[in-house]
Amino acid sequence: MPTALRLSVMPLVGLAFLLAAFFWGQREFKLRFFGESAEGRIVGMVLQRADNADLLTGLDIDLRLSLASGQQITARYANGVLTRATADDEGNKHASADALVAELSAELRRVLSEAASGDATVIRWALQREGRRSDDPRRVLRIEKTETVSGWFGVPILPEVLDWHEGRLQLRNEAISPETAKVPAYNEKGIVRIHAAFDRSDLNAVQAQKGETLVSYSYELNGESIVPTRKNFFLYAEPYTTEFRPVFAYNHAGKGVARLSHIGRQGGPTLALRLFEPCLVYVDPQKPEQAVVTAVPGPVAGAPLTWFSRLCEGIFAQWGTVALIAFAGTMFIVVGLLYVTLSIWPSKRI
């Protein structure tokens, strides 16, 4: 092989990697740097499996906290927003749910926030932490959480662009499969209900269960009992092979659009794009349905340092593959040029 050709192999391979990185991220580059920005919101979540997918469009959470004093605190969250809260010994003293929660102690507010947004493990940790306050009659002994998930379940095919009308996600049969007659009526939403109770009031029972505080669990799809991969809540009950892809919605030139994000995660929801939270969207002004979403990192209630994890995950999920390919190409070029320079100006050291 001629010397010139041999020395050009690694730089050419590196150039090929750089071109591959450019074409891989061409759409994202174009929209990110030349598109128009718009405020968006994560309005749903797709759980993509090998042969079907679930589309979550609504999530209601009901909580009941039982304290050592005998008091009970209840709260309801609709799509991440606190809509109702009651304390059985405080009746109608508060004009709003937010006002009642604001009157609770910092410890109770933290437990309420963690129970609302966390999975089963987070609730177990919260109860364990409350157990250390053994002399406080306001400590939490039992947490009951009920999730009511609305959406479409077991859909064979989901389009990248979804219907977004009057603030609601819609899914039509013709958008699912060209053979509409062979597809069930997916335009009718389904309901998943998950109820779990965690109890630490009887320490002997907890010790007998080797520290387990989950005392009851049920998972129902349209009234039919289901056994999930994990005894957990909807976004945390899937195997690692399930891909979680957020659905973001935005308005451009008076038109509402919703589409699947290219930022996702295996086995669980991504920290970068949290359900029912705002996001930033870059839109092609000529084709408003073409858009790319960018995470808006910020503190999470009860975990102020989580913004760094969200920032890192958002950057890596969006640009990680392109960056790795570009880095490999750069290394090939650097090493190749090093060989070229050593061939032209060889070292005189023995």
Protein backbone atom coordinates (compact mmCIF):
# COMPACT_ATOMS: atom_id res chain seq x y z
CA MET A 1 0.00 0.00 0.00
CA PRO A 2 1.44 3.44 -0.91
CA THR A 3 2.56 5.49 2.07
CA ALA A 4 0.25 8.42 1.30
CA LEU A 5 -2.79 6.14 1.12
CA ARG A 6 -1.83 4.34 4.31
CA LEU A 7 -1.39 7.61 6.20
CA SER A 8 -4.72 8.99 4.96
CA VAL A 9 -6.80 6.05 6.23
CA MET A 10 -7.34 7.29 9.81
CA PRO A 11 -8.09 10.94 8.89
CA LEU A 12 -10.58 9.72 6.29
CA VAL A 13 -12.23 7.41 8.81
CA GLY A 14 -12.42 10.33 11.25
CA LEU A 15 -13.98 12.54 8.56
CA ALA A 16 -16.55 9.81 7.89
CA PHE A 17 -17.45 9.75 11.59
CA LEU A 18 -17.87 13.55 11.63
CA LEU A 19 -20.14 13.41 8.59
CA ALA A 20 -22.15 10.63 10.24
CA ALA A 21 -22.54 12.78 13.37
CA PHE A 22 -23.71 15.72 11.25
CA PHE A 23 -26.31 13.69 9.36
CA TRP A 24 -27.44 11.93 12.56
CA GLY A 25 -28.21 15.23 14.29
CA GLN A 26 -29.00 17.32 11.21
CA ARG A 27 -32.67 17.79 12.09
CA GLU A 28 -31.94 18.73 15.70
CA PHE A 29 -29.14 21.11 14.68
CA LYS A 30 -31.34 22.85 12.14
CA LEU A 31 -34.31 23.31 14.47
CA ARG A 32 -32.22 24.21 17.52
CA PHE A 33 -30.18 26.95 15.83
CA PHE A 34 -32.51 28.16 13.06
CA GLY A 35 -35.99 27.33 14.33
CA GLU A 36 -38.34 29.62 16.24
CA SER A 37 -38.66 29.06 19.98
CA ALA A 38 -42.01 28.42 21.63
CA GLU A 39 -43.15 27.57 25.13
CA GLY A 40 -44.27 23.98 25.48
CA ARG A 41 -45.49 21.53 28.06
CA ILE A 42 -45.12 17.79 28.62
CA VAL A 43 -48.72 16.64 28.28
CA GLY A 44 -48.37 12.88 28.06
CA MET A 45 -46.07 9.88 28.17
CA VAL A 46 -45.66 6.99 25.76
CA LEU A 47 -44.54 3.62 27.14
CA GLN A 48 -43.16 1.93 24.04
CA ARG A 49 -42.74 -1.84 24.09
CA ALA A 50 -41.63 -4.24 21.37
CA ASP A 51 -45.15 -4.93 20.06
CA ASN A 52 -47.41 -2.23 21.52
CA ALA A 53 -47.49 1.03 23.45
CA ASP A 54 -49.45 2.86 26.13
CA LEU A 55 -50.24 6.57 25.83
CA LEU A 56 -50.80 8.30 29.18
CA THR A 57 -52.81 11.51 28.82
CA GLY A 58 -54.08 12.12 32.37
CA LEU A 59 -52.96 11.26 35.89
CA ASP A 60 -54.94 11.81 39.07
CA ILE A 61 -53.38 10.99 42.44
CA ASP A 62 -55.25 10.58 45.73
CA LEU A 63 -53.24 10.46 48.95
CA ARG A 64 -54.18 9.67 52.52
CA LEU A 65 -51.64 10.18 55.30
CA SER A 66 -52.40 8.71 58.74
CA LEU A 67 -50.52 10.30 61.64
CA ALA A 68 -49.58 8.85 65.03
CA SER A 69 -51.98 11.32 66.65
CA GLY A 70 -54.90 9.74 64.80
CA GLN A 71 -55.27 12.65 62.40
CA GLN A 72 -55.66 11.99 58.69
CA ILE A 73 -54.59 14.27 55.86
CA THR A 74 -55.91 13.74 52.33
CA ALA A 75 -54.83 15.38 49.09
CA ARG A 76 -55.71 15.10 45.43
CA TYR A 77 -53.49 16.01 42.48
CA ALA A 78 -54.80 16.32 38.93
CA ASN A 79 -52.05 16.27 36.29
CA GLY A 80 -49.48 17.43 38.82
CA VAL A 81 -51.62 20.24 40.31
CA LEU A 82 -52.90 20.11 43.89
CA THR A 83 -56.69 20.48 43.67
CA ARG A 84 -57.92 19.36 47.09
CA ALA A 85 -56.52 18.87 50.58
CA THR A 86 -58.24 18.22 53.90
CA ALA A 87 -57.19 17.60 57.49
CA ASP A 88 -59.89 15.89 59.54
CA ASP A 89 -59.36 18.10 62.59
CA GLU A 90 -59.14 21.39 60.70
CA GLY A 91 -62.32 21.22 58.63
CA ASN A 92 -62.94 24.28 56.50
CA LYS A 93 -60.49 26.65 58.15
CA HIS A 94 -58.55 27.11 54.89
CA ALA A 95 -59.81 28.73 51.74
CA SER A 96 -57.75 26.53 49.45
CA ALA A 97 -55.77 23.30 49.32
CA ASP A 98 -52.53 25.25 48.95
CA ALA A 99 -53.33 27.25 52.09
CA LEU A 100 -53.91 24.08 54.11
CA VAL A 101 -50.70 22.46 52.90
CA ALA A 102 -48.79 25.67 53.69
CA GLU A 103 -49.90 25.35 57.32
CA LEU A 104 -48.45 21.85 57.65
CA SER A 105 -45.02 21.29 59.15
CA ALA A 106 -42.00 21.08 56.86
CA GLU A 107 -41.77 17.32 57.52
CA LEU A 108 -45.40 16.71 56.51
CA ARG A 109 -45.09 18.85 53.40
CA ARG A 110 -42.02 16.86 52.39
CA VAL A 111 -43.79 13.51 52.87
CA LEU A 112 -46.79 14.76 50.91
CA SER A 113 -44.61 15.96 48.03
CA GLU A 114 -42.57 12.75 47.91
CA ALA A 115 -45.66 10.55 48.04
CA ALA A 116 -47.32 12.50 45.24
CA SER A 117 -44.38 12.42 42.81
CA GLY A 118 -42.34 9.42 43.92
CA ASP A 119 -42.50 5.70 43.36
CA ALA A 120 -42.94 2.92 45.93
CA THR A 121 -39.28 3.08 46.99
CA VAL A 122 -39.50 6.81 47.72
CA ILE A 123 -42.60 6.24 49.88
CA ARG A 124 -40.84 3.45 51.81
CA TRP A 125 -37.92 5.79 52.49
CA ALA A 126 -40.29 8.55 53.62
CA LEU A 127 -41.98 6.22 56.13
CA GLN A 128 -38.61 4.99 57.37
CA ARG A 129 -37.47 8.58 57.90
CA GLU A 130 -40.69 9.40 59.75
CA GLY A 131 -40.08 6.42 62.04
CA ARG A 132 -37.00 8.15 63.44
CA ARG A 133 -39.27 10.83 64.92
CA SER A 134 -40.68 8.30 67.40
CA ASP A 135 -41.74 10.92 69.96
CA ASP A 136 -43.59 13.18 67.50
CA PRO A 137 -47.37 12.59 67.43
CA ARG A 138 -47.41 14.29 64.00
CA ARG A 139 -45.23 11.64 62.37
CA VAL A 140 -46.71 9.67 59.48
CA LEU A 141 -47.46 6.01 60.12
CA ARG A 142 -49.41 5.05 56.99
CA ILE A 143 -49.53 6.30 53.40
CA GLU A 144 -52.22 5.26 50.94
CA LYS A 145 -51.83 6.29 47.31
CA THR A 146 -54.27 5.74 44.46
CA GLU A 147 -53.35 6.53 40.87
CA THR A 148 -56.02 6.93 38.19
CA VAL A 149 -54.38 6.93 34.78
CA SER A 150 -56.35 7.77 31.64
CA GLY A 151 -55.14 7.17 28.12
CA TRP A 152 -54.88 4.52 25.41
CA PHE A 153 -53.37 1.15 26.30
CA GLY A 154 -52.00 -1.64 24.12
CA VAL A 155 -51.96 0.47 20.95
CA PRO A 156 -50.09 -1.34 18.13
CA ILE A 157 -48.72 1.78 16.39
CA LEU A 158 -48.46 5.40 17.51
CA PRO A 159 -47.83 8.30 15.13
CA GLU A 160 -45.06 10.82 15.81
CA VAL A 161 -47.54 13.72 15.55
CA LEU A 162 -50.70 13.52 17.65
CA ASP A 163 -53.95 15.47 17.68
CA TRP A 164 -53.92 18.35 20.17
CA HIS A 165 -57.28 20.11 20.34
CA GLU A 166 -58.49 22.50 23.05
CA GLY A 167 -55.79 21.39 25.43
CA ARG A 168 -56.46 17.66 25.02
CA LEU A 169 -54.58 14.83 23.39
CA GLN A 170 -56.66 12.79 20.98
CA LEU A 171 -55.93 9.51 19.24
CA ARG A 172 -57.96 8.39 16.25
CA ASN A 173 -58.14 4.92 14.74
CA GLU A 174 -56.99 6.16 11.35
CA ALA A 175 -53.85 7.51 13.03
CA ILE A 176 -53.10 4.10 14.53
CA SER A 177 -53.38 1.71 11.61
CA PRO A 178 -54.38 1.85 7.94
CA GLU A 179 -56.47 -1.28 8.55
CA THR A 180 -58.92 0.56 10.79
CA ALA A 181 -61.52 -2.20 10.59
CA LYS A 182 -59.13 -4.67 12.23
CA VAL A 183 -58.22 -2.36 15.09
CA PRO A 184 -60.32 -2.14 18.28
CA ALA A 185 -61.95 1.16 19.20
CA TYR A 186 -58.89 2.91 20.59
CA ASN A 187 -60.67 6.26 20.28
CA GLU A 188 -62.26 5.28 23.60
CA LYS A 189 -59.95 5.97 26.48
CA GLY A 190 -59.02 3.33 28.99
CA ILE A 191 -58.47 3.66 32.73
CA VAL A 192 -55.74 2.17 34.91
CA ARG A 193 -56.20 2.28 38.67
CA ILE A 194 -53.37 1.43 41.04
CA HIS A 195 -53.84 1.43 44.80
CA ALA A 196 -51.03 0.84 47.28
CA ALA A 197 -50.91 1.13 51.07
CA PHE A 198 -47.70 1.45 53.08
CA ASP A 199 -47.98 0.96 56.83
CA ARG A 200 -45.40 1.28 59.58
CA SER A 201 -47.73 1.49 62.56
CA ASP A 202 -47.00 -2.09 63.70
CA LEU A 203 -43.21 -2.45 63.99
CA ASN A 204 -43.48 -6.16 64.83
CA ALA A 205 -45.35 -6.79 61.59
CA VAL A 206 -42.78 -4.76 59.67
CA GLN A 207 -39.93 -6.77 61.20
CA ALA A 208 -41.75 -10.02 60.39
CA GLN A 209 -41.89 -8.87 56.75
CA LYS A 210 -38.14 -8.07 56.83
CA GLY A 211 -38.75 -4.33 56.76
CA GLU A 212 -41.39 -4.34 54.01
CA THR A 213 -44.09 -1.71 54.61
CA LEU A 214 -46.21 -2.38 51.48
CA VAL A 215 -49.28 -4.07 52.96
CA SER A 216 -51.69 -3.99 49.99
CA TYR A 217 -51.42 -3.48 46.25
CA SER A 218 -53.78 -3.67 43.28
CA TYR A 219 -53.42 -2.86 39.57
CA GLU A 220 -56.51 -2.77 37.35
CA LEU A 221 -56.92 -1.99 33.64
CA ASN A 222 -60.54 -1.13 32.80
CA GLY A 223 -61.61 -3.03 35.92
CA GLU A 224 -59.58 -6.15 35.14
CA SER A 225 -56.83 -7.15 37.57
CA ILE A 226 -53.31 -7.02 36.10
CA VAL A 227 -50.01 -8.39 37.47
CA PRO A 228 -47.31 -5.87 36.45
CA THR A 229 -43.60 -6.57 36.18
CA ARG A 230 -43.03 -4.59 39.37
CA LYS A 231 -45.40 -3.83 42.23
CA ASN A 232 -45.15 -0.11 41.71
CA PHE A 233 -47.02 2.84 40.26
CA PHE A 234 -47.79 3.26 36.57
CA LEU A 235 -44.57 4.95 35.45
CA TYR A 236 -42.41 2.60 37.50
CA ALA A 237 -44.02 -0.81 36.98
CA GLU A 238 -42.44 -1.56 33.58
CA PRO A 239 -39.42 -3.75 32.73
CA TYR A 240 -36.17 -2.13 31.63
CA THR A 241 -36.92 -2.93 27.97
CA THR A 242 -39.82 -0.43 27.89
CA GLU A 243 -38.88 2.95 26.42
CA PHE A 244 -40.46 6.06 27.93
CA ARG A 245 -41.00 8.91 25.44
CA PRO A 246 -42.61 12.16 26.63
CA VAL A 247 -45.27 13.86 24.50
CA PHE A 248 -44.92 17.64 24.27
CA ALA A 249 -47.48 20.17 23.06
CA TYR A 250 -47.01 23.73 21.86
CA ASN A 251 -48.77 26.47 19.92
CA HIS A 252 -47.37 28.10 16.80
CA ALA A 253 -49.17 30.68 14.67
CA GLY A 254 -52.41 29.88 16.47
CA LYS A 255 -52.16 26.16 15.79
CA GLY A 256 -51.78 23.57 18.54
CA VAL A 257 -49.44 20.66 17.89
CA ALA A 258 -48.43 17.63 19.97
CA ARG A 259 -45.70 15.16 19.07
CA LEU A 260 -43.46 12.51 20.57
CA SER A 261 -40.11 13.60 21.90
CA HIS A 262 -36.87 12.08 20.65
CA ILE A 263 -35.56 12.38 24.23
CA GLY A 264 -36.48 9.25 26.13
CA ARG A 265 -35.27 6.71 28.63
CA GLN A 266 -35.27 2.96 29.07
CA GLY A 267 -37.08 1.48 32.06
CA GLY A 268 -38.53 4.67 33.52
CA PRO A 269 -39.42 8.32 32.89
CA THR A 270 -36.61 10.72 32.11
CA LEU A 271 -35.66 13.35 34.68
CA ALA A 272 -35.05 15.88 31.92
CA LEU A 273 -38.67 16.10 30.75
CA ARG A 274 -41.01 15.60 33.68
CA LEU A 275 -44.69 14.90 33.13
CA PHE A 276 -46.97 17.99 33.12
CA GLU A 277 -44.04 20.41 33.45
CA PRO A 278 -42.97 23.16 30.99
CA CYS A 279 -40.39 22.68 28.26
CA LEU A 280 -38.84 24.72 25.47
CA VAL A 281 -39.65 23.89 21.85
CA TYR A 282 -37.88 24.91 18.64
CA VAL A 283 -40.23 24.89 15.65
CA ASP A 284 -39.73 24.99 11.88
CA PRO A 285 -41.80 28.09 10.92
CA GLN A 286 -42.56 26.58 7.49
CA LYS A 287 -43.65 23.23 8.93
CA PRO A 288 -45.01 23.80 12.48
CA GLU A 289 -45.43 20.06 13.04
CA GLN A 290 -41.64 19.70 12.81
CA ALA A 291 -40.17 20.57 16.20
CA VAL A 292 -37.58 19.52 18.74
CA VAL A 293 -37.99 19.77 22.50
CA THR A 294 -35.38 20.94 24.99
CA ALA A 295 -35.53 20.37 28.72
CA VAL A 296 -35.88 23.35 31.06
CA PRO A 297 -33.80 22.27 34.07
CA GLY A 298 -34.86 23.55 37.44
CA PRO A 299 -35.19 22.52 41.08
CA VAL A 300 -37.60 19.76 42.02
CA ALA A 301 -39.72 20.20 45.14
CA GLY A 302 -37.90 18.58 48.04
CA ALA A 303 -34.74 18.00 45.98
CA PRO A 304 -33.20 21.38 45.06
CA LEU A 305 -29.99 19.85 43.66
CA THR A 306 -31.82 17.62 41.20
CA TRP A 307 -31.54 20.36 38.56
CA PHE A 308 -27.94 19.26 37.84
CA SER A 309 -29.02 15.68 37.14
CA ARG A 310 -31.83 16.96 34.94
CA LEU A 311 -29.45 19.24 33.03
CA CYS A 312 -26.91 16.46 32.44
CA GLU A 313 -29.54 13.93 31.41
CA GLY A 314 -31.19 16.42 29.07
CA ILE A 315 -27.92 17.29 27.34
CA PHE A 316 -26.77 13.67 27.06
CA ALA A 317 -30.14 12.38 25.85
CA GLN A 318 -30.37 15.08 23.20
CA TRP A 319 -26.79 15.31 22.03
CA GLY A 320 -25.06 12.27 23.57
CA THR A 321 -25.05 10.03 20.48
CA VAL A 322 -23.94 12.85 18.18
CA ALA A 323 -21.24 13.91 20.63
CA LEU A 324 -19.85 10.37 20.96
CA ILE A 325 -19.70 9.88 17.18
CA ALA A 326 -18.07 13.30 16.73
CA PHE A 327 -15.57 12.57 19.52
CA ALA A 328 -14.60 9.27 17.88
CA GLY A 329 -14.12 11.03 14.56
CA THR A 330 -12.01 13.75 16.16
CA MET A 331 -9.77 11.16 17.83
CA PHE A 332 -9.27 9.32 14.51
CA ILE A 333 -8.28 12.59 12.83
CA VAL A 334 -5.91 13.63 15.65
CA VAL A 335 -4.16 10.24 15.74
CA GLY A 336 -4.01 10.13 11.94
CA LEU A 337 -2.44 13.58 11.73
CA LEU A 338 0.03 12.56 14.42
CA TYR A 339 1.13 9.63 12.23
CA VAL A 340 1.42 11.97 9.26
CA THR A 341 3.64 14.43 11.13
CA LEU A 342 5.85 11.61 12.46
CA SER A 343 6.20 10.27 8.95
CA ILE A 344 7.23 13.67 7.54
CA TRP A 345 9.33 14.74 10.53
CA PRO A 346 10.46 11.52 12.21
CA SER A 347 11.92 11.71 15.72
CA LYS A 348 15.71 11.74 15.87
CA ARG A 349 15.79 10.15 19.33
CA ILE A 350 16.92 6.53 19.57
